[in-house]
C-alpha cells in the first residue's frame, strides 16, 4: 500500500494493518491511505485533504 501524498510504501504490521491512517473526503466513500511522516508534516485533516 502506498501513501497518497508522498507515494512511499506504508509499512504493514500484524494482520495486514497499516502503520499510518486512513481518511475519507466528505461525500466520498473512497479511503485515502497516509503514512506517519505525512501526518507529522500536516497535522490538520484539512491540510491533508488539500494535498490529496
N, C-alpha and C. Protein backbone atom coordinates (compact mmCIF):
# COMPACT_ATOMS: atom_id res chain seq x y z
N UNK A 1 0.84 -1.16 0.00
CA UNK A 1 0.00 0.00 0.00
C UNK A 1 0.90 1.24 0.00
N UNK A 2 0.50 2.28 -0.73
CA UNK A 2 1.31 3.48 -0.86
C UNK A 2 0.56 4.69 -0.30
N UNK A 3 1.35 5.65 0.19
CA UNK A 3 0.81 6.91 0.71
C UNK A 3 0.28 7.73 -0.46
N UNK A 4 -0.87 8.37 -0.28
CA UNK A 4 -1.49 9.17 -1.33
C UNK A 4 -0.71 10.46 -1.61
N UNK A 5 0.03 10.98 -0.63
CA UNK A 5 0.73 12.25 -0.79
C UNK A 5 2.15 12.05 -1.32
N UNK A 6 2.96 11.26 -0.61
CA UNK A 6 4.37 11.12 -0.97
C UNK A 6 4.67 9.90 -1.84
N UNK A 7 3.71 9.02 -2.01
CA UNK A 7 3.83 7.81 -2.84
C UNK A 7 4.85 6.79 -2.31
N UNK A 8 5.25 6.92 -1.04
CA UNK A 8 6.13 5.93 -0.42
C UNK A 8 5.32 4.76 0.10
N UNK A 9 5.95 3.61 0.22
CA UNK A 9 5.26 2.42 0.71
C UNK A 9 4.98 2.57 2.21
N UNK A 10 3.76 2.20 2.62
CA UNK A 10 3.37 2.27 4.02
C UNK A 10 3.66 0.91 4.65
N UNK A 11 4.31 0.94 5.79
CA UNK A 11 4.67 -0.28 6.50
C UNK A 11 3.43 -0.97 7.06
N UNK A 12 3.39 -2.29 6.94
CA UNK A 12 2.28 -3.06 7.49
C UNK A 12 2.73 -3.80 8.74
N UNK A 13 1.83 -3.92 9.70
CA UNK A 13 2.12 -4.63 10.94
C UNK A 13 1.22 -5.86 11.02
N UNK A 14 1.08 -6.42 12.17
CA UNK A 14 0.33 -7.64 12.42
C UNK A 14 -1.05 -7.62 11.77
N UNK A 15 -1.42 -8.70 11.10
CA UNK A 15 -2.72 -8.89 10.44
C UNK A 15 -3.00 -7.84 9.36
N UNK A 16 -1.96 -7.45 8.63
CA UNK A 16 -2.05 -6.52 7.50
C UNK A 16 -2.62 -5.15 7.86
N UNK A 17 -2.44 -4.73 9.10
CA UNK A 17 -2.84 -3.38 9.49
C UNK A 17 -1.71 -2.44 9.10
N UNK A 18 -2.07 -1.24 8.65
CA UNK A 18 -1.05 -0.30 8.21
C UNK A 18 -0.56 0.55 9.38
N UNK A 19 0.69 0.99 9.27
CA UNK A 19 1.27 1.87 10.26
C UNK A 19 1.10 3.30 9.74
N UNK A 20 -0.10 3.79 9.81
CA UNK A 20 -0.48 5.09 9.29
C UNK A 20 -1.94 5.32 9.59
N UNK A 21 -2.60 6.07 8.74
CA UNK A 21 -4.02 6.34 8.96
C UNK A 21 -4.78 6.30 7.64
N UNK A 22 -6.07 6.20 7.76
CA UNK A 22 -6.97 6.20 6.62
C UNK A 22 -7.96 7.34 6.82
N UNK A 23 -8.09 8.21 5.80
CA UNK A 23 -9.07 9.29 5.88
C UNK A 23 -9.96 9.24 4.65
N UNK A 24 -11.14 9.82 4.76
CA UNK A 24 -12.08 9.90 3.64
C UNK A 24 -12.47 11.35 3.45
N UNK A 25 -12.65 11.73 2.20
CA UNK A 25 -13.15 13.07 1.89
C UNK A 25 -14.64 13.09 2.19
N UNK A 26 -15.15 14.22 2.66
CA UNK A 26 -16.59 14.31 2.89
C UNK A 26 -17.37 14.09 1.59
N UNK A 27 -18.37 13.25 1.65
CA UNK A 27 -19.19 12.95 0.49
C UNK A 27 -18.62 11.89 -0.43
N UNK A 28 -17.51 11.28 -0.03
CA UNK A 28 -16.89 10.24 -0.85
C UNK A 28 -16.69 9.00 0.01
N UNK A 29 -16.76 7.84 -0.61
CA UNK A 29 -16.58 6.61 0.15
C UNK A 29 -15.20 6.00 -0.08
N UNK A 30 -14.37 6.61 -0.96
CA UNK A 30 -13.05 6.09 -1.25
C UNK A 30 -12.08 6.44 -0.12
N UNK A 31 -11.41 5.44 0.47
CA UNK A 31 -10.43 5.72 1.53
C UNK A 31 -9.10 6.18 0.93
N UNK A 32 -8.42 7.06 1.66
CA UNK A 32 -7.10 7.56 1.29
C UNK A 32 -6.13 7.14 2.39
N UNK A 33 -5.03 6.51 2.01
CA UNK A 33 -4.06 5.99 2.97
C UNK A 33 -2.90 6.96 3.10
N UNK A 34 -2.48 7.22 4.35
CA UNK A 34 -1.41 8.17 4.61
C UNK A 34 -0.37 7.56 5.54
N UNK A 35 0.91 7.90 5.27
CA UNK A 35 2.00 7.40 6.10
C UNK A 35 2.17 8.30 7.33
N UNK A 36 2.86 7.81 8.36
CA UNK A 36 3.08 8.61 9.57
C UNK A 36 3.89 9.89 9.31
N UNK A 37 4.80 9.86 8.34
CA UNK A 37 5.61 11.04 8.04
C UNK A 37 4.76 12.19 7.50
N UNK A 38 3.83 11.88 6.63
CA UNK A 38 2.94 12.91 6.09
C UNK A 38 1.99 13.43 7.17
N UNK A 39 1.62 12.57 8.09
CA UNK A 39 0.77 13.01 9.21
C UNK A 39 1.50 14.01 10.08
N UNK A 40 2.80 13.81 10.28
CA UNK A 40 3.60 14.74 11.09
C UNK A 40 3.77 16.08 10.39
N UNK A 41 3.96 16.04 9.06
CA UNK A 41 4.15 17.27 8.29
C UNK A 41 2.87 18.10 8.24
N UNK A 42 1.73 17.44 8.18
CA UNK A 42 0.43 18.11 8.04
C UNK A 42 -0.49 17.61 9.15
N UNK A 43 -0.45 18.23 10.34
CA UNK A 43 -1.22 17.71 11.48
C UNK A 43 -2.73 17.90 11.38
N UNK A 44 -3.21 18.83 10.56
CA UNK A 44 -4.65 19.06 10.47
C UNK A 44 -5.25 18.29 9.31
N UNK A 45 -6.46 17.78 9.50
CA UNK A 45 -7.14 16.99 8.47
C UNK A 45 -7.39 17.83 7.21
N UNK A 46 -7.68 19.10 7.38
CA UNK A 46 -7.95 19.97 6.23
C UNK A 46 -6.73 20.08 5.35
N UNK A 47 -5.53 20.17 5.95
CA UNK A 47 -4.29 20.25 5.19
C UNK A 47 -4.05 18.98 4.40
N UNK A 48 -4.32 17.84 5.03
CA UNK A 48 -4.14 16.54 4.37
C UNK A 48 -5.08 16.39 3.17
N UNK A 49 -6.32 16.82 3.33
CA UNK A 49 -7.29 16.70 2.24
C UNK A 49 -6.92 17.61 1.06
N UNK A 50 -6.29 18.77 1.34
CA UNK A 50 -5.86 19.66 0.27
C UNK A 50 -4.73 19.03 -0.55
N UNK A 51 -3.84 18.29 0.12
CA UNK A 51 -2.68 17.71 -0.54
C UNK A 51 -3.05 16.52 -1.42
N UNK A 52 -4.17 15.88 -1.13
CA UNK A 52 -4.56 14.67 -1.88
C UNK A 52 -5.06 15.01 -3.23
